[in-house]
Amino acid sequence: MPIKNTADIRSQNKKKIIAYLRQEHSTKKVLADQLALSFATVSNLCNTLIEEGILEITSSESSNGGRIP
């Protein structure tokens, strides 16, 4: 199926994220690295998937603040 516009790209990227997460749990950073997408793209799409009820956050690592090393 040829990609025609940004909505198609967004849809394809959402499908990539869902397919990846069906195989293993992950962080947004790992998703971005593994799927060759920007962190901002992954973060925005994950937030959309959460709002749509397709994705849920299951756990969170404790943080001391700051950037991930």
C-alpha atoms as a PDB file:
ATOM      1  CA  MET A   1       0.000   0.000   0.000  1.00  0.00           C
ATOM      2  CA  PRO A   2       1.677   3.240  -1.116  1.00  0.00           C
ATOM      3  CA  ILE A   3       2.013   6.043   1.401  1.00  0.00           C
ATOM      4  CA  LYS A   4       0.200   9.125   0.127  1.00  0.00           C
ATOM      5  CA  ASN A   5       0.302  11.697   2.914  1.00  0.00           C
ATOM      6  CA  THR A   6       1.331  12.403   6.490  1.00  0.00           C
ATOM      7  CA  ALA A   7      -1.770  10.641   7.836  1.00  0.00           C
ATOM      8  CA  ASP A   8      -0.590   7.457   6.087  1.00  0.00           C
ATOM      9  CA  ILE A   9       2.902   7.849   7.570  1.00  0.00           C
ATOM     10  CA  ARG A  10       1.415   8.384  11.039  1.00  0.00           C
ATOM     11  CA  SER A  11      -0.779   5.310  10.627  1.00  0.00           C
ATOM     12  CA  GLN A  12       2.152   3.164   9.482  1.00  0.00           C
ATOM     13  CA  ASN A  13       4.297   4.347  12.401  1.00  0.00           C
ATOM     14  CA  LYS A  14       1.491   3.571  14.878  1.00  0.00           C
ATOM     15  CA  LYS A  15       1.276   0.066  13.416  1.00  0.00           C
ATOM     16  CA  LYS A  16       5.067  -0.357  13.788  1.00  0.00           C
ATOM     17  CA  ILE A  17       4.875   0.667  17.444  1.00  0.00           C
ATOM     18  CA  ILE A  18       1.959  -1.681  18.178  1.00  0.00           C
ATOM     19  CA  ALA A  19       3.657  -4.587  16.396  1.00  0.00           C
ATOM     20  CA  TYR A  20       6.897  -4.022  18.317  1.00  0.00           C
ATOM     21  CA  LEU A  21       5.136  -3.779  21.669  1.00  0.00           C
ATOM     22  CA  ARG A  22       3.256  -7.025  21.017  1.00  0.00           C
ATOM     23  CA  GLN A  23       6.648  -8.751  21.027  1.00  0.00           C
ATOM     24  CA  GLU A  24       8.167  -7.097  24.092  1.00  0.00           C
ATOM     25  CA  HIS A  25       7.705  -4.297  26.601  1.00  0.00           C
ATOM     26  CA  SER A  26       9.785  -1.244  25.918  1.00  0.00           C
ATOM     27  CA  THR A  27      10.469   2.385  26.683  1.00  0.00           C
ATOM     28  CA  LYS A  28       9.839   5.224  24.271  1.00  0.00           C
ATOM     29  CA  LYS A  29      13.587   5.693  23.853  1.00  0.00           C
ATOM     30  CA  VAL A  30      14.148   2.048  22.940  1.00  0.00           C
ATOM     31  CA  LEU A  31      11.181   2.143  20.570  1.00  0.00           C
ATOM     32  CA  ALA A  32      12.627   5.182  18.831  1.00  0.00           C
ATOM     33  CA  ASP A  33      16.031   3.533  18.483  1.00  0.00           C
ATOM     34  CA  GLN A  34      14.706   0.156  17.333  1.00  0.00           C
ATOM     35  CA  LEU A  35      12.167   1.557  14.860  1.00  0.00           C
ATOM     36  CA  ALA A  36      14.450   4.320  13.541  1.00  0.00           C
ATOM     37  CA  LEU A  37      11.926   7.003  14.494  1.00  0.00           C
ATOM     38  CA  SER A  38      12.576  10.211  16.381  1.00  0.00           C
ATOM     39  CA  PHE A  39      11.851  10.202  20.102  1.00  0.00           C
ATOM     40  CA  ALA A  40       9.327  13.018  19.558  1.00  0.00           C
ATOM     41  CA  THR A  41       7.443  10.945  16.980  1.00  0.00           C
ATOM     42  CA  VAL A  42       7.340   7.897  19.241  1.00  0.00           C
ATOM     43  CA  SER A  43       6.299   9.974  22.236  1.00  0.00           C
ATOM     44  CA  ASN A  44       3.486  11.700  20.337  1.00  0.00           C
ATOM     45  CA  LEU A  45       2.198   8.446  18.839  1.00  0.00           C
ATOM     46  CA  CYS A  46       2.374   6.600  22.160  1.00  0.00           C
ATOM     47  CA  ASN A  47       0.455   9.400  23.837  1.00  0.00           C
ATOM     48  CA  THR A  48      -2.186   9.179  21.105  1.00  0.00           C
ATOM     49  CA  LEU A  49      -2.393   5.394  21.516  1.00  0.00           C
ATOM     50  CA  ILE A  50      -2.818   5.856  25.285  1.00  0.00           C
ATOM     51  CA  GLU A  51      -5.609   8.387  24.742  1.00  0.00           C
ATOM     52  CA  GLU A  52      -7.300   5.981  22.308  1.00  0.00           C
ATOM     53  CA  GLY A  53      -7.140   3.201  24.908  1.00  0.00           C
ATOM     54  CA  ILE A  54      -4.929   1.027  22.706  1.00  0.00           C
ATOM     55  CA  LEU A  55      -1.805   1.359  24.833  1.00  0.00           C
ATOM     56  CA  GLU A  56      -1.369   1.619  28.561  1.00  0.00           C
ATOM     57  CA  ILE A  57       1.578   2.315  30.797  1.00  0.00           C
ATOM     58  CA  THR A  58       2.226  -0.756  32.922  1.00  0.00           C
ATOM     59  CA  SER A  59       5.185   0.331  35.021  1.00  0.00           C
ATOM     60  CA  SER A  60       7.670   3.080  35.429  1.00  0.00           C
ATOM     61  CA  GLU A  61      11.260   2.928  36.524  1.00  0.00           C
ATOM     62  CA  SER A  62      12.097   5.187  39.412  1.00  0.00           C
ATOM     63  CA  SER A  63      13.903   8.332  38.371  1.00  0.00           C
ATOM     64  CA  ASN A  64      16.204  10.719  40.117  1.00  0.00           C
ATOM     65  CA  GLY A  65      15.446  13.314  37.457  1.00  0.00           C
ATOM     66  CA  GLY A  66      17.595  14.524  34.623  1.00  0.00           C
ATOM     67  CA  ARG A  67      18.372  12.942  31.308  1.00  0.00           C
ATOM     68  CA  ILE A  68      18.735   9.239  30.653  1.00  0.00           C
ATOM     69  CA  PRO A  69      22.467   8.420  30.460  1.00  0.00           C
END
